[in-house]
Amino acid sequence: MYYATTTDQDGEVFTLKKTMGELGDHFRRNLEVFGGNPNAEYIVYRGKPNSKTFLGYYTLNNGVLRKKKNLHSLEALLGSVFTTTD
């Protein structure tokens, strides 16, 4: 399986790797060499560019791509509303 990312502006694929780990390593190396925003958000797709499936928004945490939580999900809404103090 292939994993790809796109830019926010034009939607063209600029990175295509065989595993999610390779994709995370690619972004970690680019961050170390070129600098930039360590909290950048990446749009990740599964499949080749001509037949891709949207996986979600990911951020880089300690060199590993982690799925960003959906702010409109039920867990996020309940977690922000029902907080308890002990």
PDB file of N, CA and C in Angstrom:
ATOM      1  N   MET A   1       0.848  -1.172   0.000  1.00  0.00           N
ATOM      2  CA  MET A   1       0.000   0.000   0.000  1.00  0.00           C
ATOM      3  C   MET A   1       0.890   1.230   0.000  1.00  0.00           C
ATOM      4  N   TYR A   2       0.417   2.291  -0.592  1.00  0.00           N
ATOM      5  CA  TYR A   2       1.157   3.538  -0.639  1.00  0.00           C
ATOM      6  C   TYR A   2       0.439   4.596   0.185  1.00  0.00           C
ATOM      7  N   TYR A   3       1.207   5.506   0.766  1.00  0.00           N
ATOM      8  CA  TYR A   3       0.674   6.627   1.519  1.00  0.00           C
ATOM      9  C   TYR A   3       1.214   7.904   0.904  1.00  0.00           C
ATOM     10  N   ALA A   4       0.362   8.887   0.732  1.00  0.00           N
ATOM     11  CA  ALA A   4       0.749  10.124   0.066  1.00  0.00           C
ATOM     12  C   ALA A   4       0.236  11.317   0.855  1.00  0.00           C
ATOM     13  N   THR A   5       0.903  12.443   0.678  1.00  0.00           N
ATOM     14  CA  THR A   5       0.443  13.688   1.275  1.00  0.00           C
ATOM     15  C   THR A   5       0.321  14.728   0.185  1.00  0.00           C
ATOM     16  N   THR A   6      -0.504  15.715   0.441  1.00  0.00           N
ATOM     17  CA  THR A   6      -0.688  16.799  -0.518  1.00  0.00           C
ATOM     18  C   THR A   6      -0.466  18.129   0.173  1.00  0.00           C
ATOM     19  N   THR A   7      -0.275  19.144  -0.636  1.00  0.00           N
ATOM     20  CA  THR A   7      -0.175  20.492  -0.097  1.00  0.00           C
ATOM     21  C   THR A   7      -1.575  21.035   0.093  1.00  0.00           C
ATOM     22  N   ASP A   8      -1.732  22.019   0.971  1.00  0.00           N
ATOM     23  CA  ASP A   8      -3.040  22.617   1.210  1.00  0.00           C
ATOM     24  C   ASP A   8      -3.495  23.483   0.044  1.00  0.00           C
ATOM     25  N   GLN A   9      -2.543  24.119  -0.650  1.00  0.00           N
ATOM     26  CA  GLN A   9      -2.904  25.098  -1.662  1.00  0.00           C
ATOM     27  C   GLN A   9      -3.412  24.463  -2.959  1.00  0.00           C
ATOM     28  N   ASP A  10      -2.612  23.587  -3.565  1.00  0.00           N
ATOM     29  CA  ASP A  10      -2.976  23.098  -4.893  1.00  0.00           C
ATOM     30  C   ASP A  10      -3.416  21.641  -4.931  1.00  0.00           C
ATOM     31  N   GLY A  11      -3.223  20.887  -3.861  1.00  0.00           N
ATOM     32  CA  GLY A  11      -3.702  19.520  -3.803  1.00  0.00           C
ATOM     33  C   GLY A  11      -2.903  18.527  -4.613  1.00  0.00           C
ATOM     34  N   GLU A  12      -1.709  18.905  -5.088  1.00  0.00           N
ATOM     35  CA  GLU A  12      -0.892  17.968  -5.849  1.00  0.00           C
ATOM     36  C   GLU A  12      -0.042  17.133  -4.892  1.00  0.00           C
ATOM     37  N   VAL A  13       0.149  15.873  -5.246  1.00  0.00           N
ATOM     38  CA  VAL A  13       0.931  14.979  -4.408  1.00  0.00           C
ATOM     39  C   VAL A  13       2.398  15.377  -4.486  1.00  0.00           C
ATOM     40  N   PHE A  14       3.054  15.521  -3.335  1.00  0.00           N
ATOM     41  CA  PHE A  14       4.480  15.808  -3.346  1.00  0.00           C
ATOM     42  C   PHE A  14       5.291  14.757  -2.623  1.00  0.00           C
ATOM     43  N   THR A  15       4.674  13.832  -1.931  1.00  0.00           N
ATOM     44  CA  THR A  15       5.389  12.759  -1.253  1.00  0.00           C
ATOM     45  C   THR A  15       4.580  11.470  -1.373  1.00  0.00           C
ATOM     46  N   LEU A  16       5.254  10.399  -1.766  1.00  0.00           N
ATOM     47  CA  LEU A  16       4.610   9.097  -1.883  1.00  0.00           C
ATOM     48  C   LEU A  16       5.548   8.057  -1.291  1.00  0.00           C
ATOM     49  N   LYS A  17       5.109   7.365  -0.233  1.00  0.00           N
ATOM     50  CA  LYS A  17       5.934   6.359   0.451  1.00  0.00           C
ATOM     51  C   LYS A  17       5.136   5.072   0.605  1.00  0.00           C
ATOM     52  N   LYS A  18       5.848   3.959   0.832  1.00  0.00           N
ATOM     53  CA  LYS A  18       5.183   2.663   0.946  1.00  0.00           C
ATOM     54  C   LYS A  18       4.547   2.423   2.299  1.00  0.00           C
ATOM     55  N   THR A  19       5.075   3.033   3.367  1.00  0.00           N
ATOM     56  CA  THR A  19       4.495   2.837   4.696  1.00  0.00           C
ATOM     57  C   THR A  19       4.297   4.182   5.374  1.00  0.00           C
ATOM     58  N   MET A  20       3.455   4.195   6.383  1.00  0.00           N
ATOM     59  CA  MET A  20       3.220   5.408   7.157  1.00  0.00           C
ATOM     60  C   MET A  20       4.488   5.800   7.915  1.00  0.00           C
ATOM     61  N   GLY A  21       5.270   4.812   8.354  1.00  0.00           N
ATOM     62  CA  GLY A  21       6.524   5.084   9.046  1.00  0.00           C
ATOM     63  C   GLY A  21       7.528   5.803   8.159  1.00  0.00           C
ATOM     64  N   GLU A  22       7.618   5.380   6.901  1.00  0.00           N
ATOM     65  CA  GLU A  22       8.510   6.049   5.946  1.00  0.00           C
ATOM     66  C   GLU A  22       8.082   7.488   5.721  1.00  0.00           C
ATOM     67  N   LEU A  23       6.783   7.705   5.665  1.00  0.00           N
ATOM     68  CA  LEU A  23       6.261   9.055   5.471  1.00  0.00           C
ATOM     69  C   LEU A  23       6.603   9.933   6.672  1.00  0.00           C
ATOM     70  N   GLY A  24       6.465   9.395   7.885  1.00  0.00           N
ATOM     71  CA  GLY A  24       6.831  10.129   9.090  1.00  0.00           C
ATOM     72  C   GLY A  24       8.323  10.434   9.140  1.00  0.00           C
ATOM     73  N   ASP A  25       9.161   9.449   8.753  1.00  0.00           N
ATOM     74  CA  ASP A  25      10.609   9.667   8.715  1.00  0.00           C
ATOM     75  C   ASP A  25      10.973  10.759   7.723  1.00  0.00           C
ATOM     76  N   HIS A  26      10.306  10.792   6.589  1.00  0.00           N
ATOM     77  CA  HIS A  26      10.549  11.818   5.573  1.00  0.00           C
ATOM     78  C   HIS A  26      10.282  13.214   6.143  1.00  0.00           C
ATOM     79  N   PHE A  27       9.164  13.384   6.827  1.00  0.00           N
ATOM     80  CA  PHE A  27       8.835  14.693   7.391  1.00  0.00           C
ATOM     81  C   PHE A  27       9.761  15.052   8.551  1.00  0.00           C
ATOM     82  N   ARG A  28      10.152  14.066   9.357  1.00  0.00           N
ATOM     83  CA  ARG A  28      11.069  14.330  10.468  1.00  0.00           C
ATOM     84  C   ARG A  28      12.418  14.806   9.953  1.00  0.00           C
ATOM     85  N   ARG A  29      12.948  14.139   8.920  1.00  0.00           N
ATOM     86  CA  ARG A  29      14.230  14.552   8.339  1.00  0.00           C
ATOM     87  C   ARG A  29      14.137  15.945   7.730  1.00  0.00           C
ATOM     88  N   ASN A  30      13.040  16.238   7.031  1.00  0.00           N
ATOM     89  CA  ASN A  30      12.878  17.566   6.439  1.00  0.00           C
ATOM     90  C   ASN A  30      12.806  18.633   7.520  1.00  0.00           C
ATOM     91  N   LEU A  31      12.151  18.329   8.619  1.00  0.00           N
ATOM     92  CA  LEU A  31      12.049  19.287   9.722  1.00  0.00           C
ATOM     93  C   LEU A  31      13.422  19.543  10.341  1.00  0.00           C
ATOM     94  N   GLU A  32      14.230  18.481  10.504  1.00  0.00           N
ATOM     95  CA  GLU A  32      15.563  18.642  11.065  1.00  0.00           C
ATOM     96  C   GLU A  32      16.483  19.433  10.142  1.00  0.00           C
ATOM     97  N   VAL A  33      16.390  19.193   8.831  1.00  0.00           N
ATOM     98  CA  VAL A  33      17.292  19.837   7.879  1.00  0.00           C
ATOM     99  C   VAL A  33      16.842  21.251   7.537  1.00  0.00           C
ATOM    100  N   PHE A  34      15.571  21.421   7.213  1.00  0.00           N
ATOM    101  CA  PHE A  34      15.099  22.701   6.712  1.00  0.00           C
ATOM    102  C   PHE A  34      14.409  23.559   7.765  1.00  0.00           C
ATOM    103  N   GLY A  35      14.100  22.979   8.910  1.00  0.00           N
ATOM    104  CA  GLY A  35      13.363  23.718   9.932  1.00  0.00           C
ATOM    105  C   GLY A  35      11.898  23.795   9.563  1.00  0.00           C
ATOM    106  N   GLY A  36      11.208  24.730  10.149  1.00  0.00           N
ATOM    107  CA  GLY A  36       9.786  24.886   9.858  1.00  0.00           C
ATOM    108  C   GLY A  36       8.944  24.723  11.101  1.00  0.00           C
ATOM    109  N   ASN A  37       7.683  24.520  10.903  1.00  0.00           N
ATOM    110  CA  ASN A  37       6.725  24.400  11.990  1.00  0.00           C
ATOM    111  C   ASN A  37       6.657  22.952  12.474  1.00  0.00           C
ATOM    112  N   PRO A  38       7.101  22.662  13.704  1.00  0.00           N
ATOM    113  CA  PRO A  38       7.038  21.274  14.186  1.00  0.00           C
ATOM    114  C   PRO A  38       5.609  20.789  14.416  1.00  0.00           C
ATOM    115  N   ASN A  39       4.650  21.697  14.499  1.00  0.00           N
ATOM    116  CA  ASN A  39       3.244  21.328  14.703  1.00  0.00           C
ATOM    117  C   ASN A  39       2.454  21.382  13.405  1.00  0.00           C
ATOM    118  N   ALA A  40       3.129  21.265  12.288  1.00  0.00           N
ATOM    119  CA  ALA A  40       2.470  21.346  10.990  1.00  0.00           C
ATOM    120  C   ALA A  40       1.459  20.214  10.838  1.00  0.00           C
ATOM    121  N   GLU A  41       0.443  20.478  10.050  1.00  0.00           N
ATOM    122  CA  GLU A  41      -0.617  19.507   9.803  1.00  0.00           C
ATOM    123  C   GLU A  41      -0.454  18.961   8.391  1.00  0.00           C
ATOM    124  N   TYR A  42      -0.517  17.635   8.251  1.00  0.00           N
ATOM    125  CA  TYR A  42      -0.362  16.983   6.957  1.00  0.00           C
ATOM    126  C   TYR A  42      -1.654  16.281   6.587  1.00  0.00           C
ATOM    127  N   ILE A  43      -2.045  16.394   5.334  1.00  0.00           N
ATOM    128  CA  ILE A  43      -3.213  15.687   4.824  1.00  0.00           C
ATOM    129  C   ILE A  43      -2.698  14.383   4.229  1.00  0.00           C
ATOM    130  N   VAL A  44      -3.174  13.247   4.730  1.00  0.00           N
ATOM    131  CA  VAL A  44      -2.640  11.949   4.321  1.00  0.00           C
ATOM    132  C   VAL A  44      -3.712  11.152   3.581  1.00  0.00           C
ATOM    133  N   TYR A  45      -3.275  10.523   2.483  1.00  0.00           N
ATOM    134  CA  TYR A  45      -4.128   9.664   1.672  1.00  0.00           C
ATOM    135  C   TYR A  45      -3.517   8.285   1.612  1.00  0.00           C
ATOM    136  N   ARG A  46      -4.341   7.267   1.413  1.00  0.00           N
ATOM    137  CA  ARG A  46      -3.858   5.905   1.186  1.00  0.00           C
ATOM    138  C   ARG A  46      -4.126   5.567  -0.265  1.00  0.00           C
ATOM    139  N   GLY A  47      -3.139   4.974  -0.923  1.00  0.00           N
ATOM    140  CA  GLY A  47      -3.278   4.599  -2.327  1.00  0.00           C
ATOM    141  C   GLY A  47      -2.417   5.468  -3.211  1.00  0.00           C
ATOM    142  N   LYS A  48      -2.399   5.150  -4.471  1.00  0.00           N
ATOM    143  CA  LYS A  48      -1.630   5.926  -5.436  1.00  0.00           C
ATOM    144  C   LYS A  48      -2.400   7.185  -5.815  1.00  0.00           C
ATOM    145  N   PRO A  49      -1.716   8.161  -6.383  1.00  0.00           N
ATOM    146  CA  PRO A  49      -2.374   9.447  -6.668  1.00  0.00           C
ATOM    147  C   PRO A  49      -3.624   9.355  -7.539  1.00  0.00           C
ATOM    148  N   ASN A  50      -3.683   8.402  -8.462  1.00  0.00           N
ATOM    149  CA  ASN A  50      -4.857   8.318  -9.329  1.00  0.00           C
ATOM    150  C   ASN A  50      -6.042   7.629  -8.659  1.00  0.00           C
ATOM    151  N   SER A  51      -5.817   6.874  -7.584  1.00  0.00           N
ATOM    152  CA  SER A  51      -6.917   6.237  -6.845  1.00  0.00           C
ATOM    153  C   SER A  51      -6.613   6.300  -5.354  1.00  0.00           C
ATOM    154  N   LYS A  52      -6.815   7.460  -4.755  1.00  0.00           N
ATOM    155  CA  LYS A  52      -6.450   7.646  -3.355  1.00  0.00           C
ATOM    156  C   LYS A  52      -7.683   7.772  -2.479  1.00  0.00           C
ATOM    157  N   THR A  53      -7.523   7.399  -1.204  1.00  0.00           N
ATOM    158  CA  THR A  53      -8.570   7.477  -0.209  1.00  0.00           C
ATOM    159  C   THR A  53      -8.084   8.378   0.917  1.00  0.00           C
ATOM    160  N   PHE A  54      -8.888   9.346   1.296  1.00  0.00           N
ATOM    161  CA  PHE A  54      -8.534  10.281   2.347  1.00  0.00           C
ATOM    162  C   PHE A  54      -8.495   9.564   3.694  1.00  0.00           C
ATOM    163  N   LEU A  55      -7.363   9.667   4.414  1.00  0.00           N
ATOM    164  CA  LEU A  55      -7.237   9.056   5.739  1.00  0.00           C
ATOM    165  C   LEU A  55      -7.476  10.049   6.860  1.00  0.00           C
ATOM    166  N   GLY A  56      -7.093  11.292   6.649  1.00  0.00           N
ATOM    167  CA  GLY A  56      -7.308  12.296   7.681  1.00  0.00           C
ATOM    168  C   GLY A  56      -6.161  13.277   7.785  1.00  0.00           C
ATOM    169  N   TYR A  57      -6.226  14.081   8.833  1.00  0.00           N
ATOM    170  CA  TYR A  57      -5.208  15.083   9.106  1.00  0.00           C
ATOM    171  C   TYR A  57      -4.264  14.523  10.161  1.00  0.00           C
ATOM    172  N   TYR A  58      -2.972  14.646   9.928  1.00  0.00           N
ATOM    173  CA  TYR A  58      -1.960  14.087  10.809  1.00  0.00           C
ATOM    174  C   TYR A  58      -0.977  15.170  11.234  1.00  0.00           C
ATOM    175  N   THR A  59      -0.384  14.999  12.414  1.00  0.00           N
ATOM    176  CA  THR A  59       0.687  15.859  12.886  1.00  0.00           C
ATOM    177  C   THR A  59       1.880  14.973  13.251  1.00  0.00           C
ATOM    178  N   LEU A  60       3.049  15.569  13.324  1.00  0.00           N
ATOM    179  CA  LEU A  60       4.267  14.833  13.612  1.00  0.00           C
ATOM    180  C   LEU A  60       4.567  14.931  15.103  1.00  0.00           C
ATOM    181  N   ASN A  61       4.546  13.790  15.807  1.00  0.00           N
ATOM    182  CA  ASN A  61       4.853  13.725  17.237  1.00  0.00           C
ATOM    183  C   ASN A  61       6.050  12.819  17.436  1.00  0.00           C
ATOM    184  N   ASN A  62       7.171  13.378  17.853  1.00  0.00           N
ATOM    185  CA  ASN A  62       8.401  12.606  18.093  1.00  0.00           C
ATOM    186  C   ASN A  62       8.787  11.749  16.897  1.00  0.00           C
ATOM    187  N   GLY A  63       8.668  12.295  15.702  1.00  0.00           N
ATOM    188  CA  GLY A  63       9.057  11.590  14.490  1.00  0.00           C
ATOM    189  C   GLY A  63       8.036  10.610  13.967  1.00  0.00           C
ATOM    190  N   VAL A  64       6.860  10.545  14.586  1.00  0.00           N
ATOM    191  CA  VAL A  64       5.809   9.613  14.167  1.00  0.00           C
ATOM    192  C   VAL A  64       4.565  10.408  13.788  1.00  0.00           C
ATOM    193  N   LEU A  65       3.982  10.069  12.653  1.00  0.00           N
ATOM    194  CA  LEU A  65       2.739  10.730  12.260  1.00  0.00           C
ATOM    195  C   LEU A  65       1.594  10.195  13.106  1.00  0.00           C
ATOM    196  N   ARG A  66       0.879  11.072  13.754  1.00  0.00           N
ATOM    197  CA  ARG A  66      -0.278  10.708  14.587  1.00  0.00           C
ATOM    198  C   ARG A  66      -1.508  11.409  14.032  1.00  0.00           C
ATOM    199  N   LYS A  67      -2.611  10.692  14.033  1.00  0.00           N
ATOM    200  CA  LYS A  67      -3.852  11.267  13.524  1.00  0.00           C
ATOM    201  C   LYS A  67      -4.329  12.379  14.460  1.00  0.00           C
ATOM    202  N   LYS A  68      -4.671  13.497  13.855  1.00  0.00           N
ATOM    203  CA  LYS A  68      -5.161  14.632  14.631  1.00  0.00           C
ATOM    204  C   LYS A  68      -6.602  14.363  15.015  1.00  0.00           C
ATOM    205  N   LYS A  69      -6.936  14.659  16.260  1.00  0.00           N
ATOM    206  CA  LYS A  69      -8.295  14.420  16.721  1.00  0.00           C
ATOM    207  C   LYS A  69      -9.262  15.364  16.011  1.00  0.00           C
ATOM    208  N   ASN A  70     -10.407  14.822  15.662  1.00  0.00           N
ATOM    209  CA  ASN A  70     -11.455  15.611  15.037  1.00  0.00           C
ATOM    210  C   ASN A  70     -12.134  16.458  16.109  1.00  0.00           C
ATOM    211  N   LEU A  71     -12.119  17.756  15.936  1.00  0.00           N
ATOM    212  CA  LEU A  71     -12.696  18.641  16.936  1.00  0.00           C
ATOM    213  C   LEU A  71     -14.214  18.516  17.020  1.00  0.00           C
ATOM    214  N   HIS A  72     -14.831  17.939  15.997  1.00  0.00           N
ATOM    215  CA  HIS A  72     -16.283  17.803  15.984  1.00  0.00           C
ATOM    216  C   HIS A  72     -16.741  16.394  16.350  1.00  0.00           C
ATOM    217  N   SER A  73     -15.814  15.556  16.790  1.00  0.00           N
ATOM    218  CA  SER A  73     -16.196  14.199  17.152  1.00  0.00           C
ATOM    219  C   SER A  73     -16.916  14.192  18.504  1.00  0.00           C
ATOM    220  N   LEU A  74     -17.655  13.151  18.772  1.00  0.00           N
ATOM    221  CA  LEU A  74     -18.418  13.034  20.011  1.00  0.00           C
ATOM    222  C   LEU A  74     -17.491  13.011  21.225  1.00  0.00           C
ATOM    223  N   GLU A  75     -16.367  12.286  21.124  1.00  0.00           N
ATOM    224  CA  GLU A  75     -15.429  12.212  22.248  1.00  0.00           C
ATOM    225  C   GLU A  75     -14.855  13.586  22.578  1.00  0.00           C
ATOM    226  N   ALA A  76     -14.506  14.354  21.537  1.00  0.00           N
ATOM    227  CA  ALA A  76     -13.937  15.683  21.772  1.00  0.00           C
ATOM    228  C   ALA A  76     -14.971  16.615  22.389  1.00  0.00           C
ATOM    229  N   LEU A  77     -16.208  16.521  21.902  1.00  0.00           N
ATOM    230  CA  LEU A  77     -17.253  17.386  22.442  1.00  0.00           C
ATOM    231  C   LEU A  77     -17.578  17.029  23.887  1.00  0.00           C
ATOM    232  N   LEU A  78     -17.706  15.737  24.186  1.00  0.00           N
ATOM    233  CA  LEU A  78     -18.015  15.324  25.554  1.00  0.00           C
ATOM    234  C   LEU A  78     -16.841  15.582  26.490  1.00  0.00           C
ATOM    235  N   GLY A  79     -15.637  15.392  25.986  1.00  0.00           N
ATOM    236  CA  GLY A  79     -14.465  15.628  26.813  1.00  0.00           C
ATOM    237  C   GLY A  79     -14.322  17.086  27.202  1.00  0.00           C
ATOM    238  N   SER A  80     -14.728  17.986  26.320  1.00  0.00           N
ATOM    239  CA  SER A  80     -14.591  19.403  26.638  1.00  0.00           C
ATOM    240  C   SER A  80     -15.758  19.904  27.482  1.00  0.00           C
ATOM    241  N   VAL A  81     -16.886  19.212  27.452  1.00  0.00           N
ATOM    242  CA  VAL A  81     -18.062  19.646  28.209  1.00  0.00           C
ATOM    243  C   VAL A  81     -18.080  19.033  29.601  1.00  0.00           C
ATOM    244  N   PHE A  82     -17.824  17.732  29.692  1.00  0.00           N
ATOM    245  CA  PHE A  82     -17.923  17.013  30.951  1.00  0.00           C
ATOM    246  C   PHE A  82     -16.535  16.766  31.544  1.00  0.00           C
ATOM    247  N   THR A  83     -15.961  17.785  32.109  1.00  0.00           N
ATOM    248  CA  THR A  83     -14.688  17.608  32.814  1.00  0.00           C
ATOM    249  C   THR A  83     -14.970  17.592  34.298  1.00  0.00           C
ATOM    250  N   THR A  84     -14.296  16.734  35.009  1.00  0.00           N
ATOM    251  CA  THR A  84     -14.522  16.627  36.451  1.00  0.00           C
ATOM    252  C   THR A  84     -13.261  17.050  37.174  1.00  0.00           C
ATOM    253  N   THR A  85     -13.446  17.576  38.338  1.00  0.00           N
ATOM    254  CA  THR A  85     -12.308  17.918  39.193  1.00  0.00           C
ATOM    255  C   THR A  85     -12.389  17.074  40.455  1.00  0.00           C
ATOM    256  N   ASP A  86     -11.311  16.443  40.786  1.00  0.00           N
ATOM    257  CA  ASP A  86     -11.278  15.579  41.982  1.00  0.00           C
ATOM    258  C   ASP A  86     -10.557  16.249  43.104  1.00  0.00           C
TER     259      ASP A  86
END
